[in-house]
Amino acid sequence: MGIQIEPEITEFGGFDAPEADETPVDLVLEFTKPYTFEDETYTELDLSALEQWNAGKYCSCEKSYRKTNPTSIMPLSETEFRLMVAQRASGKPIEFFKRMPVGLANAVANMVLIFFGQ
């Protein structure tokens, strides 16, 4: 027989959720290769504006996304939505993100996911 571990039950009869990771996420993504968009070369992307977002800003972004993707069940799981969030946080045009090499676009999308997944 294996060892069984009983979950800790709170005074209200529920279970304790795991502690949230309090490690801050660095919201400046340094590119491994320079990225050129419309004759300007970028070596990093600053998404620190995400720290100022509230639920209303997030919901507004989600609402805009659902207008063109009405069947989306979990927008945050989709790269296109995460790039839209990055676009709104950075102030760069959406084309800036859509023209990125796929590896860089995935790095940006993952940064957004990690931030909201804290």
PDB file of N, CA and C in Angstrom:
ATOM      1  N   MET A   1       0.833  -1.178   0.000  1.00  0.00           N
ATOM      2  CA  MET A   1       0.000   0.000   0.000  1.00  0.00           C
ATOM      3  C   MET A   1       0.878   1.241   0.000  1.00  0.00           C
ATOM      4  N   GLY A   2       0.461   2.237  -0.788  1.00  0.00           N
ATOM      5  CA  GLY A   2       1.180   3.497  -0.846  1.00  0.00           C
ATOM      6  C   GLY A   2       0.752   4.414   0.271  1.00  0.00           C
ATOM      7  N   ILE A   3       1.488   5.465   0.425  1.00  0.00           N
ATOM      8  CA  ILE A   3       1.169   6.459   1.434  1.00  0.00           C
ATOM      9  C   ILE A   3       0.057   7.354   0.898  1.00  0.00           C
ATOM     10  N   GLN A   4      -0.955   7.598   1.706  1.00  0.00           N
ATOM     11  CA  GLN A   4      -2.036   8.487   1.309  1.00  0.00           C
ATOM     12  C   GLN A   4      -1.907   9.794   2.069  1.00  0.00           C
ATOM     13  N   ILE A   5      -2.061  10.885   1.347  1.00  0.00           N
ATOM     14  CA  ILE A   5      -1.978  12.198   1.965  1.00  0.00           C
ATOM     15  C   ILE A   5      -3.352  12.825   1.935  1.00  0.00           C
ATOM     16  N   GLU A   6      -3.827  13.211   3.079  1.00  0.00           N
ATOM     17  CA  GLU A   6      -5.140  13.840   3.181  1.00  0.00           C
ATOM     18  C   GLU A   6      -5.014  15.328   2.895  1.00  0.00           C
ATOM     19  N   PRO A   7      -5.877  15.887   2.029  1.00  0.00           N
ATOM     20  CA  PRO A   7      -5.840  17.333   1.806  1.00  0.00           C
ATOM     21  C   PRO A   7      -6.289  18.059   3.068  1.00  0.00           C
ATOM     22  N   GLU A   8      -5.760  19.245   3.263  1.00  0.00           N
ATOM     23  CA  GLU A   8      -6.112  20.032   4.432  1.00  0.00           C
ATOM     24  C   GLU A   8      -7.463  20.701   4.215  1.00  0.00           C
ATOM     25  N   ILE A   9      -8.378  20.481   5.145  1.00  0.00           N
ATOM     26  CA  ILE A   9      -9.723  21.042   5.042  1.00  0.00           C
ATOM     27  C   ILE A   9      -9.785  22.306   5.879  1.00  0.00           C
ATOM     28  N   THR A  10     -10.327  23.380   5.291  1.00  0.00           N
ATOM     29  CA  THR A  10     -10.423  24.648   6.011  1.00  0.00           C
ATOM     30  C   THR A  10     -11.586  24.605   6.987  1.00  0.00           C
ATOM     31  N   GLU A  11     -11.686  25.635   7.821  1.00  0.00           N
ATOM     32  CA  GLU A  11     -12.759  25.690   8.811  1.00  0.00           C
ATOM     33  C   GLU A  11     -14.133  25.796   8.161  1.00  0.00           C
ATOM     34  N   PHE A  12     -14.186  26.191   6.888  1.00  0.00           N
ATOM     35  CA  PHE A  12     -15.466  26.321   6.192  1.00  0.00           C
ATOM     36  C   PHE A  12     -15.816  25.074   5.383  1.00  0.00           C
ATOM     37  N   GLY A  13     -15.008  24.055   5.492  1.00  0.00           N
ATOM     38  CA  GLY A  13     -15.297  22.800   4.817  1.00  0.00           C
ATOM     39  C   GLY A  13     -14.711  22.682   3.425  1.00  0.00           C
ATOM     40  N   GLY A  14     -14.027  23.726   2.944  1.00  0.00           N
ATOM     41  CA  GLY A  14     -13.400  23.677   1.615  1.00  0.00           C
ATOM     42  C   GLY A  14     -11.956  23.225   1.736  1.00  0.00           C
ATOM     43  N   PHE A  15     -11.269  23.196   0.648  1.00  0.00           N
ATOM     44  CA  PHE A  15      -9.870  22.797   0.645  1.00  0.00           C
ATOM     45  C   PHE A  15      -9.000  24.023   0.406  1.00  0.00           C
ATOM     46  N   ASP A  16      -7.837  24.037   1.027  1.00  0.00           N
ATOM     47  CA  ASP A  16      -6.904  25.136   0.824  1.00  0.00           C
ATOM     48  C   ASP A  16      -6.334  25.066  -0.581  1.00  0.00           C
ATOM     49  N   ALA A  17      -6.352  26.203  -1.249  1.00  0.00           N
ATOM     50  CA  ALA A  17      -5.738  26.307  -2.574  1.00  0.00           C
ATOM     51  C   ALA A  17      -4.237  26.487  -2.379  1.00  0.00           C
ATOM     52  N   PRO A  18      -3.460  26.066  -3.356  1.00  0.00           N
ATOM     53  CA  PRO A  18      -2.016  26.279  -3.232  1.00  0.00           C
ATOM     54  C   PRO A  18      -1.716  27.776  -3.201  1.00  0.00           C
ATOM     55  N   GLU A  19      -0.640  28.127  -2.534  1.00  0.00           N
ATOM     56  CA  GLU A  19      -0.230  29.524  -2.435  1.00  0.00           C
ATOM     57  C   GLU A  19       0.091  30.062  -3.826  1.00  0.00           C
ATOM     58  N   ALA A  20      -0.282  31.310  -4.085  1.00  0.00           N
ATOM     59  CA  ALA A  20       0.044  31.950  -5.361  1.00  0.00           C
ATOM     60  C   ALA A  20       1.536  32.236  -5.397  1.00  0.00           C
ATOM     61  N   ASP A  21       2.110  32.090  -6.570  1.00  0.00           N
ATOM     62  CA  ASP A  21       3.524  32.386  -6.750  1.00  0.00           C
ATOM     63  C   ASP A  21       3.695  33.896  -6.733  1.00  0.00           C
ATOM     64  N   GLU A  22       4.423  34.413  -5.775  1.00  0.00           N
ATOM     65  CA  GLU A  22       4.608  35.857  -5.620  1.00  0.00           C
ATOM     66  C   GLU A  22       5.833  36.358  -6.378  1.00  0.00           C
ATOM     67  N   THR A  23       6.500  35.491  -7.134  1.00  0.00           N
ATOM     68  CA  THR A  23       7.666  35.910  -7.884  1.00  0.00           C
ATOM     69  C   THR A  23       7.233  36.845  -9.002  1.00  0.00           C
ATOM     70  N   PRO A  24       7.765  38.067  -9.029  1.00  0.00           N
ATOM     71  CA  PRO A  24       7.356  38.997 -10.081  1.00  0.00           C
ATOM     72  C   PRO A  24       7.815  38.512 -11.457  1.00  0.00           C
ATOM     73  N   VAL A  25       7.006  38.788 -12.453  1.00  0.00           N
ATOM     74  CA  VAL A  25       7.348  38.428 -13.819  1.00  0.00           C
ATOM     75  C   VAL A  25       8.012  39.636 -14.465  1.00  0.00           C
ATOM     76  N   ASP A  26       9.165  39.417 -15.071  1.00  0.00           N
ATOM     77  CA  ASP A  26       9.839  40.489 -15.794  1.00  0.00           C
ATOM     78  C   ASP A  26       9.075  40.710 -17.091  1.00  0.00           C
ATOM     79  N   LEU A  27       8.532  41.881 -17.276  1.00  0.00           N
ATOM     80  CA  LEU A  27       7.689  42.159 -18.432  1.00  0.00           C
ATOM     81  C   LEU A  27       8.415  42.897 -19.553  1.00  0.00           C
ATOM     82  N   VAL A  28       9.728  42.825 -19.549  1.00  0.00           N
ATOM     83  CA  VAL A  28      10.511  43.327 -20.675  1.00  0.00           C
ATOM     84  C   VAL A  28      11.170  42.117 -21.314  1.00  0.00           C
ATOM     85  N   LEU A  29      10.731  41.822 -22.517  1.00  0.00           N
ATOM     86  CA  LEU A  29      11.258  40.667 -23.248  1.00  0.00           C
ATOM     87  C   LEU A  29      12.414  41.131 -24.124  1.00  0.00           C
ATOM     88  N   GLU A  30      13.602  40.624 -23.838  1.00  0.00           N
ATOM     89  CA  GLU A  30      14.768  40.942 -24.655  1.00  0.00           C
ATOM     90  C   GLU A  30      14.855  39.914 -25.776  1.00  0.00           C
ATOM     91  N   PHE A  31      14.922  40.401 -27.015  1.00  0.00           N
ATOM     92  CA  PHE A  31      14.953  39.526 -28.176  1.00  0.00           C
ATOM     93  C   PHE A  31      16.352  38.923 -28.344  1.00  0.00           C
ATOM     94  N   THR A  32      16.410  37.668 -28.758  1.00  0.00           N
ATOM     95  CA  THR A  32      17.701  37.036 -29.016  1.00  0.00           C
ATOM     96  C   THR A  32      18.304  37.552 -30.319  1.00  0.00           C
ATOM     97  N   LYS A  33      17.437  37.984 -31.247  1.00  0.00           N
ATOM     98  CA  LYS A  33      17.875  38.598 -32.507  1.00  0.00           C
ATOM     99  C   LYS A  33      17.086  39.888 -32.681  1.00  0.00           C
ATOM    100  N   PRO A  34      17.700  40.916 -33.222  1.00  0.00           N
ATOM    101  CA  PRO A  34      16.949  42.150 -33.477  1.00  0.00           C
ATOM    102  C   PRO A  34      15.784  41.879 -34.442  1.00  0.00           C
ATOM    103  N   TYR A  35      14.701  42.591 -34.243  1.00  0.00           N
ATOM    104  CA  TYR A  35      13.500  42.454 -35.072  1.00  0.00           C
ATOM    105  C   TYR A  35      13.241  43.803 -35.737  1.00  0.00           C
ATOM    106  N   THR A  36      13.142  43.798 -37.069  1.00  0.00           N
ATOM    107  CA  THR A  36      12.905  45.026 -37.810  1.00  0.00           C
ATOM    108  C   THR A  36      11.463  45.071 -38.278  1.00  0.00           C
ATOM    109  N   PHE A  37      10.816  46.196 -37.971  1.00  0.00           N
ATOM    110  CA  PHE A  37       9.433  46.428 -38.388  1.00  0.00           C
ATOM    111  C   PHE A  37       9.344  47.860 -38.881  1.00  0.00           C
ATOM    112  N   GLU A  38       8.914  48.005 -40.121  1.00  0.00           N
ATOM    113  CA  GLU A  38       8.760  49.313 -40.756  1.00  0.00           C
ATOM    114  C   GLU A  38       9.987  50.203 -40.545  1.00  0.00           C
ATOM    115  N   ASP A  39      11.127  49.683 -40.950  1.00  0.00           N
ATOM    116  CA  ASP A  39      12.404  50.407 -40.935  1.00  0.00           C
ATOM    117  C   ASP A  39      12.929  50.763 -39.549  1.00  0.00           C
ATOM    118  N   GLU A  40      12.350  50.199 -38.499  1.00  0.00           N
ATOM    119  CA  GLU A  40      12.873  50.411 -37.159  1.00  0.00           C
ATOM    120  C   GLU A  40      13.250  49.054 -36.578  1.00  0.00           C
ATOM    121  N   THR A  41      14.404  48.996 -35.936  1.00  0.00           N
ATOM    122  CA  THR A  41      14.895  47.748 -35.369  1.00  0.00           C
ATOM    123  C   THR A  41      14.658  47.741 -33.858  1.00  0.00           C
ATOM    124  N   TYR A  42      14.116  46.638 -33.388  1.00  0.00           N
ATOM    125  CA  TYR A  42      13.776  46.466 -31.973  1.00  0.00           C
ATOM    126  C   TYR A  42      14.615  45.342 -31.386  1.00  0.00           C
ATOM    127  N   THR A  43      15.041  45.527 -30.155  1.00  0.00           N
ATOM    128  CA  THR A  43      15.807  44.492 -29.448  1.00  0.00           C
ATOM    129  C   THR A  43      15.073  44.003 -28.203  1.00  0.00           C
ATOM    130  N   GLU A  44      13.943  44.668 -27.894  1.00  0.00           N
ATOM    131  CA  GLU A  44      13.158  44.272 -26.730  1.00  0.00           C
ATOM    132  C   GLU A  44      11.732  44.771 -26.881  1.00  0.00           C
ATOM    133  N   LEU A  45      10.868  44.232 -26.040  1.00  0.00           N
ATOM    134  CA  LEU A  45       9.472  44.650 -26.002  1.00  0.00           C
ATOM    135  C   LEU A  45       9.080  44.823 -24.540  1.00  0.00           C
ATOM    136  N   ASP A  46       8.536  45.985 -24.230  1.00  0.00           N
ATOM    137  CA  ASP A  46       8.149  46.296 -22.863  1.00  0.00           C
ATOM    138  C   ASP A  46       6.638  46.132 -22.702  1.00  0.00           C
ATOM    139  N   LEU A  47       6.228  45.174 -21.890  1.00  0.00           N
ATOM    140  CA  LEU A  47       4.813  44.940 -21.604  1.00  0.00           C
ATOM    141  C   LEU A  47       4.471  45.282 -20.154  1.00  0.00           C
ATOM    142  N   SER A  48       5.281  46.105 -19.525  1.00  0.00           N
ATOM    143  CA  SER A  48       5.065  46.432 -18.115  1.00  0.00           C
ATOM    144  C   SER A  48       3.745  47.158 -17.872  1.00  0.00           C
ATOM    145  N   ALA A  49       3.135  47.707 -18.913  1.00  0.00           N
ATOM    146  CA  ALA A  49       1.822  48.347 -18.749  1.00  0.00           C
ATOM    147  C   ALA A  49       0.777  47.344 -18.270  1.00  0.00           C
ATOM    148  N   LEU A  50       1.001  46.061 -18.470  1.00  0.00           N
ATOM    149  CA  LEU A  50       0.059  45.039 -18.001  1.00  0.00           C
ATOM    150  C   LEU A  50      -0.131  45.099 -16.487  1.00  0.00           C
ATOM    151  N   GLU A  51       0.887  45.555 -15.784  1.00  0.00           N
ATOM    152  CA  GLU A  51       0.788  45.640 -14.322  1.00  0.00           C
ATOM    153  C   GLU A  51      -0.263  46.665 -13.883  1.00  0.00           C
ATOM    154  N   GLN A  52      -0.620  47.573 -14.771  1.00  0.00           N
ATOM    155  CA  GLN A  52      -1.608  48.607 -14.442  1.00  0.00           C
ATOM    156  C   GLN A  52      -3.026  48.208 -14.868  1.00  0.00           C
ATOM    157  N   TRP A  53      -3.149  47.093 -15.563  1.00  0.00           N
ATOM    158  CA  TRP A  53      -4.464  46.661 -16.043  1.00  0.00           C
ATOM    159  C   TRP A  53      -5.353  46.259 -14.881  1.00  0.00           C
ATOM    160  N   ASN A  54      -6.650  46.484 -15.069  1.00  0.00           N
ATOM    161  CA  ASN A  54      -7.642  45.976 -14.130  1.00  0.00           C
ATOM    162  C   ASN A  54      -8.548  45.009 -14.894  1.00  0.00           C
ATOM    163  N   ALA A  55      -9.518  44.449 -14.213  1.00  0.00           N
ATOM    164  CA  ALA A  55     -10.407  43.466 -14.846  1.00  0.00           C
ATOM    165  C   ALA A  55     -11.172  44.088 -16.008  1.00  0.00           C
ATOM    166  N   GLY A  56     -11.549  45.351 -15.885  1.00  0.00           N
ATOM    167  CA  GLY A  56     -12.283  46.018 -16.961  1.00  0.00           C
ATOM    168  C   GLY A  56     -11.482  46.097 -18.242  1.00  0.00           C
ATOM    169  N   LYS A  57     -10.209  46.406 -18.142  1.00  0.00           N
ATOM    170  CA  LYS A  57      -9.336  46.491 -19.320  1.00  0.00           C
ATOM    171  C   LYS A  57      -9.192  45.114 -19.961  1.00  0.00           C
ATOM    172  N   TYR A  58      -9.009  44.097 -19.125  1.00  0.00           N
ATOM    173  CA  TYR A  58      -8.890  42.728 -19.637  1.00  0.00           C
ATOM    174  C   TYR A  58     -10.184  42.302 -20.326  1.00  0.00           C
ATOM    175  N   CYS A  59     -11.320  42.567 -19.697  1.00  0.00           N
ATOM    176  CA  CYS A  59     -12.617  42.174 -20.270  1.00  0.00           C
ATOM    177  C   CYS A  59     -12.892  42.914 -21.575  1.00  0.00           C
ATOM    178  N   SER A  60     -12.463  44.158 -21.665  1.00  0.00           N
ATOM    179  CA  SER A  60     -12.619  44.923 -22.903  1.00  0.00           C
ATOM    180  C   SER A  60     -11.836  44.275 -24.041  1.00  0.00           C
ATOM    181  N   CYS A  61     -10.647  43.828 -23.739  1.00  0.00           N
ATOM    182  CA  CYS A  61      -9.815  43.148 -24.734  1.00  0.00           C
ATOM    183  C   CYS A  61     -10.463  41.826 -25.146  1.00  0.00           C
ATOM    184  N   GLU A  62     -10.964  41.098 -24.174  1.00  0.00           N
ATOM    185  CA  GLU A  62     -11.626  39.822 -24.453  1.00  0.00           C
ATOM    186  C   GLU A  62     -12.881  40.030 -25.305  1.00  0.00           C
ATOM    187  N   LYS A  63     -13.644  41.075 -24.998  1.00  0.00           N
ATOM    188  CA  LYS A  63     -14.864  41.372 -25.751  1.00  0.00           C
ATOM    189  C   LYS A  63     -14.527  41.684 -27.213  1.00  0.00           C
ATOM    190  N   SER A  64     -13.490  42.471 -27.435  1.00  0.00           N
ATOM    191  CA  SER A  64     -13.060  42.786 -28.806  1.00  0.00           C
ATOM    192  C   SER A  64     -12.634  41.521 -29.543  1.00  0.00           C
ATOM    193  N   TYR A  65     -11.914  40.660 -28.847  1.00  0.00           N
ATOM    194  CA  TYR A  65     -11.453  39.417 -29.457  1.00  0.00           C
ATOM    195  C   TYR A  65     -12.626  38.532 -29.854  1.00  0.00           C
ATOM    196  N   ARG A  66     -13.625  38.446 -29.000  1.00  0.00           N
ATOM    197  CA  ARG A  66     -14.773  37.573 -29.264  1.00  0.00           C
ATOM    198  C   ARG A  66     -15.624  38.047 -30.445  1.00  0.00           C
ATOM    199  N   LYS A  67     -15.516  39.326 -30.817  1.00  0.00           N
ATOM    200  CA  LYS A  67     -16.257  39.818 -31.985  1.00  0.00           C
ATOM    201  C   LYS A  67     -15.815  39.107 -33.253  1.00  0.00           C
ATOM    202  N   THR A  68     -14.521  38.797 -33.351  1.00  0.00           N
ATOM    203  CA  THR A  68     -14.018  38.098 -34.531  1.00  0.00           C
ATOM    204  C   THR A  68     -13.795  36.612 -34.291  1.00  0.00           C
ATOM    205  N   ASN A  69     -13.908  36.189 -33.047  1.00  0.00           N
ATOM    206  CA  ASN A  69     -13.711  34.781 -32.681  1.00  0.00           C
ATOM    207  C   ASN A  69     -14.802  34.349 -31.706  1.00  0.00           C
ATOM    208  N   PRO A  70     -16.061  34.365 -32.150  1.00  0.00           N
ATOM    209  CA  PRO A  70     -17.171  34.114 -31.217  1.00  0.00           C
ATOM    210  C   PRO A  70     -17.212  32.708 -30.622  1.00  0.00           C
ATOM    211  N   THR A  71     -16.536  31.762 -31.216  1.00  0.00           N
ATOM    212  CA  THR A  71     -16.575  30.395 -30.695  1.00  0.00           C
ATOM    213  C   THR A  71     -15.442  30.105 -29.714  1.00  0.00           C
ATOM    214  N   SER A  72     -14.617  31.103 -29.468  1.00  0.00           N
ATOM    215  CA  SER A  72     -13.495  30.910 -28.549  1.00  0.00           C
ATOM    216  C   SER A  72     -14.002  30.637 -27.134  1.00  0.00           C
ATOM    217  N   ILE A  73     -13.562  29.539 -26.566  1.00  0.00           N
ATOM    218  CA  ILE A  73     -13.979  29.167 -25.217  1.00  0.00           C
ATOM    219  C   ILE A  73     -13.047  29.792 -24.182  1.00  0.00           C
ATOM    220  N   MET A  74     -11.751  29.727 -24.432  1.00  0.00           N
ATOM    221  CA  MET A  74     -10.755  30.276 -23.499  1.00  0.00           C
ATOM    222  C   MET A  74      -9.774  31.134 -24.270  1.00  0.00           C
ATOM    223  N   PRO A  75     -10.090  32.407 -24.473  1.00  0.00           N
ATOM    224  CA  PRO A  75      -9.201  33.262 -25.272  1.00  0.00           C
ATOM    225  C   PRO A  75      -7.747  33.271 -24.794  1.00  0.00           C
ATOM    226  N   LEU A  76      -7.520  33.242 -23.499  1.00  0.00           N
ATOM    227  CA  LEU A  76      -6.154  33.312 -23.003  1.00  0.00           C
ATOM    228  C   LEU A  76      -5.308  32.130 -23.469  1.00  0.00           C
ATOM    229  N   SER A  77      -5.950  31.050 -23.866  1.00  0.00           N
ATOM    230  CA  SER A  77      -5.202  29.890 -24.360  1.00  0.00           C
ATOM    231  C   SER A  77      -4.819  30.037 -25.833  1.00  0.00           C
ATOM    232  N   GLU A  78      -5.268  31.100 -26.470  1.00  0.00           N
ATOM    233  CA  GLU A  78      -5.024  31.283 -27.903  1.00  0.00           C
ATOM    234  C   GLU A  78      -3.974  32.366 -28.156  1.00  0.00           C
ATOM    235  N   THR A  79      -3.019  32.025 -29.010  1.00  0.00           N
ATOM    236  CA  THR A  79      -1.923  32.940 -29.322  1.00  0.00           C
ATOM    237  C   THR A  79      -2.429  34.268 -29.857  1.00  0.00           C
ATOM    238  N   GLU A  80      -3.403  34.245 -30.723  1.00  0.00           N
ATOM    239  CA  GLU A  80      -3.910  35.485 -31.314  1.00  0.00           C
ATOM    240  C   GLU A  80      -4.442  36.446 -30.238  1.00  0.00           C
ATOM    241  N   PHE A  81      -5.138  35.925 -29.254  1.00  0.00           N
ATOM    242  CA  PHE A  81      -5.640  36.764 -28.165  1.00  0.00           C
ATOM    243  C   PHE A  81      -4.482  37.332 -27.356  1.00  0.00           C
ATOM    244  N   ARG A  82      -3.508  36.510 -27.048  1.00  0.00           N
ATOM    245  CA  ARG A  82      -2.375  36.973 -26.246  1.00  0.00           C
ATOM    246  C   ARG A  82      -1.576  38.045 -26.981  1.00  0.00           C
ATOM    247  N   LEU A  83      -1.482  37.914 -28.310  1.00  0.00           N
ATOM    248  CA  LEU A  83      -0.809  38.956 -29.090  1.00  0.00           C
ATOM    249  C   LEU A  83      -1.635  40.237 -29.103  1.00  0.00           C
ATOM    250  N   MET A  84      -2.963  40.110 -29.086  1.00  0.00           N
ATOM    251  CA  MET A  84      -3.815  41.293 -28.994  1.00  0.00           C
ATOM    252  C   MET A  84      -3.590  41.999 -27.658  1.00  0.00           C
ATOM    253  N   VAL A  85      -3.471  41.238 -26.603  1.00  0.00           N
ATOM    254  CA  VAL A  85      -3.192  41.815 -25.285  1.00  0.00           C
ATOM    255  C   VAL A  85      -1.850  42.542 -25.325  1.00  0.00           C
ATOM    256  N   ALA A  86      -0.833  41.904 -25.904  1.00  0.00           N
ATOM    257  CA  ALA A  86       0.491  42.521 -26.003  1.00  0.00           C
ATOM    258  C   ALA A  86       0.423  43.803 -26.823  1.00  0.00           C
ATOM    259  N   GLN A  87      -0.380  43.787 -27.863  1.00  0.00           N
ATOM    260  CA  GLN A  87      -0.543  44.968 -28.711  1.00  0.00           C
ATOM    261  C   GLN A  87      -1.129  46.115 -27.902  1.00  0.00           C
ATOM    262  N   ARG A  88      -2.152  45.824 -27.135  1.00  0.00           N
ATOM    263  CA  ARG A  88      -2.792  46.878 -26.340  1.00  0.00           C
ATOM    264  C   ARG A  88      -1.886  47.360 -25.208  1.00  0.00           C
ATOM    265  N   ALA A  89      -1.119  46.463 -24.638  1.00  0.00           N
ATOM    266  CA  ALA A  89      -0.227  46.853 -23.547  1.00  0.00           C
ATOM    267  C   ALA A  89       0.969  47.667 -24.047  1.00  0.00           C
ATOM    268  N   SER A  90       1.437  47.362 -25.244  1.00  0.00           N
ATOM    269  CA  SER A  90       2.633  48.027 -25.766  1.00  0.00           C
ATOM    270  C   SER A  90       2.322  49.270 -26.588  1.00  0.00           C
ATOM    271  N   GLY A  91       1.090  49.337 -27.131  1.00  0.00           N
ATOM    272  CA  GLY A  91       0.746  50.459 -27.997  1.00  0.00           C
ATOM    273  C   GLY A  91       1.243  50.313 -29.424  1.00  0.00           C
ATOM    274  N   LYS A  92       1.854  49.198 -29.718  1.00  0.00           N
ATOM    275  CA  LYS A  92       2.340  48.942 -31.082  1.00  0.00           C
ATOM    276  C   LYS A  92       1.173  48.444 -31.931  1.00  0.00           C
ATOM    277  N   PRO A  93       1.240  48.640 -33.249  1.00  0.00           N
ATOM    278  CA  PRO A  93       0.160  48.131 -34.106  1.00  0.00           C
ATOM    279  C   PRO A  93       0.149  46.603 -34.132  1.00  0.00           C
ATOM    280  N   ILE A  94      -1.015  46.026 -34.370  1.00  0.00           N
ATOM    281  CA  ILE A  94      -1.133  44.560 -34.381  1.00  0.00           C
ATOM    282  C   ILE A  94      -0.236  43.939 -35.450  1.00  0.00           C
ATOM    283  N   GLU A  95       0.020  44.655 -36.529  1.00  0.00           N
ATOM    284  CA  GLU A  95       0.904  44.149 -37.583  1.00  0.00           C
ATOM    285  C   GLU A  95       2.319  43.911 -37.059  1.00  0.00           C
ATOM    286  N   PHE A  96       2.717  44.690 -36.075  1.00  0.00           N
ATOM    287  CA  PHE A  96       4.026  44.511 -35.444  1.00  0.00           C
ATOM    288  C   PHE A  96       4.164  43.085 -34.934  1.00  0.00           C
ATOM    289  N   PHE A  97       3.112  42.556 -34.376  1.00  0.00           N
ATOM    290  CA  PHE A  97       3.134  41.208 -33.804  1.00  0.00           C
ATOM    291  C   PHE A  97       2.890  40.140 -34.860  1.00  0.00           C
ATOM    292  N   LYS A  98       1.999  40.414 -35.794  1.00  0.00           N
ATOM    293  CA  LYS A  98       1.657  39.407 -36.803  1.00  0.00           C
ATOM    294  C   LYS A  98       2.784  39.166 -37.801  1.00  0.00           C
ATOM    295  N   ARG A  99       3.696  40.111 -37.939  1.00  0.00           N
ATOM    296  CA  ARG A  99       4.832  39.944 -38.852  1.00  0.00           C
ATOM    297  C   ARG A  99       6.066  39.375 -38.159  1.00  0.00           C
ATOM    298  N   MET A 100       5.989  39.154 -36.871  1.00  0.00           N
ATOM    299  CA  MET A 100       7.124  38.599 -36.119  1.00  0.00           C
ATOM    300  C   MET A 100       7.419  37.172 -36.567  1.00  0.00           C
ATOM    301  N   PRO A 101       8.678  36.762 -36.472  1.00  0.00           N
ATOM    302  CA  PRO A 101       8.966  35.338 -36.654  1.00  0.00           C
ATOM    303  C   PRO A 101       8.182  34.544 -35.604  1.00  0.00           C
ATOM    304  N   VAL A 102       7.783  33.356 -35.947  1.00  0.00           N
ATOM    305  CA  VAL A 102       6.895  32.576 -35.088  1.00  0.00           C
ATOM    306  C   VAL A 102       7.496  32.350 -33.696  1.00  0.00           C
ATOM    307  N   GLY A 103       8.780  32.123 -33.605  1.00  0.00           N
ATOM    308  CA  GLY A 103       9.408  31.899 -32.303  1.00  0.00           C
ATOM    309  C   GLY A 103       9.308  33.125 -31.404  1.00  0.00           C
ATOM    310  N   LEU A 104       9.504  34.289 -31.977  1.00  0.00           N
ATOM    311  CA  LEU A 104       9.403  35.528 -31.210  1.00  0.00           C
ATOM    312  C   LEU A 104       7.959  35.802 -30.814  1.00  0.00           C
ATOM    313  N   ALA A 105       7.029  35.582 -31.739  1.00  0.00           N
ATOM    314  CA  ALA A 105       5.606  35.765 -31.430  1.00  0.00           C
ATOM    315  C   ALA A 105       5.186  34.827 -30.300  1.00  0.00           C
ATOM    316  N   ASN A 106       5.685  33.609 -30.311  1.00  0.00           N
ATOM    317  CA  ASN A 106       5.369  32.666 -29.234  1.00  0.00           C
ATOM    318  C   ASN A 106       5.967  33.117 -27.905  1.00  0.00           C
ATOM    319  N   ALA A 107       7.155  33.706 -27.939  1.00  0.00           N
ATOM    320  CA  ALA A 107       7.770  34.204 -26.705  1.00  0.00           C
ATOM    321  C   ALA A 107       6.932  35.337 -26.119  1.00  0.00           C
ATOM    322  N   VAL A 108       6.431  36.224 -26.973  1.00  0.00           N
ATOM    323  CA  VAL A 108       5.577  37.322 -26.514  1.00  0.00           C
ATOM    324  C   VAL A 108       4.281  36.754 -25.931  1.00  0.00           C
ATOM    325  N   ALA A 109       3.656  35.843 -26.681  1.00  0.00           N
ATOM    326  CA  ALA A 109       2.396  35.236 -26.222  1.00  0.00           C
ATOM    327  C   ALA A 109       2.586  34.514 -24.895  1.00  0.00           C
ATOM    328  N   ASN A 110       3.711  33.829 -24.732  1.00  0.00           N
ATOM    329  CA  ASN A 110       3.975  33.109 -23.482  1.00  0.00           C
ATOM    330  C   ASN A 110       4.189  34.065 -22.325  1.00  0.00           C
ATOM    331  N   MET A 111       4.798  35.213 -22.586  1.00  0.00           N
ATOM    332  CA  MET A 111       4.993  36.197 -21.519  1.00  0.00           C
ATOM    333  C   MET A 111       3.638  36.679 -20.996  1.00  0.00           C
ATOM    334  N   VAL A 112       2.706  36.927 -21.915  1.00  0.00           N
ATOM    335  CA  VAL A 112       1.359  37.348 -21.517  1.00  0.00           C
ATOM    336  C   VAL A 112       0.689  36.247 -20.706  1.00  0.00           C
ATOM    337  N   LEU A 113       0.785  35.022 -21.167  1.00  0.00           N
ATOM    338  CA  LEU A 113       0.188  33.885 -20.459  1.00  0.00           C
ATOM    339  C   LEU A 113       0.759  33.742 -19.053  1.00  0.00           C
ATOM    340  N   ILE A 114       2.055  33.829 -18.931  1.00  0.00           N
ATOM    341  CA  ILE A 114       2.710  33.695 -17.627  1.00  0.00           C
ATOM    342  C   ILE A 114       2.255  34.822 -16.703  1.00  0.00           C
ATOM    343  N   PHE A 115       2.172  36.042 -17.230  1.00  0.00           N
ATOM    344  CA  PHE A 115       1.737  37.165 -16.395  1.00  0.00           C
ATOM    345  C   PHE A 115       0.343  36.946 -15.846  1.00  0.00           C
ATOM    346  N   PHE A 116      -0.602  36.579 -16.710  1.00  0.00           N
ATOM    347  CA  PHE A 116      -1.973  36.389 -16.245  1.00  0.00           C
ATOM    348  C   PHE A 116      -2.158  35.095 -15.472  1.00  0.00           C
ATOM    349  N   GLY A 117      -1.245  34.173 -15.621  1.00  0.00           N
ATOM    350  CA  GLY A 117      -1.337  32.904 -14.911  1.00  0.00           C
ATOM    351  C   GLY A 117      -0.762  32.934 -13.515  1.00  0.00           C
ATOM    352  N   GLN A 118      -0.246  34.083 -13.092  1.00  0.00           N
ATOM    353  CA  GLN A 118       0.356  34.186 -11.754  1.00  0.00           C
ATOM    354  C   GLN A 118      -0.648  33.864 -10.696  1.00  0.00           C
TER     355      GLN A 118
END
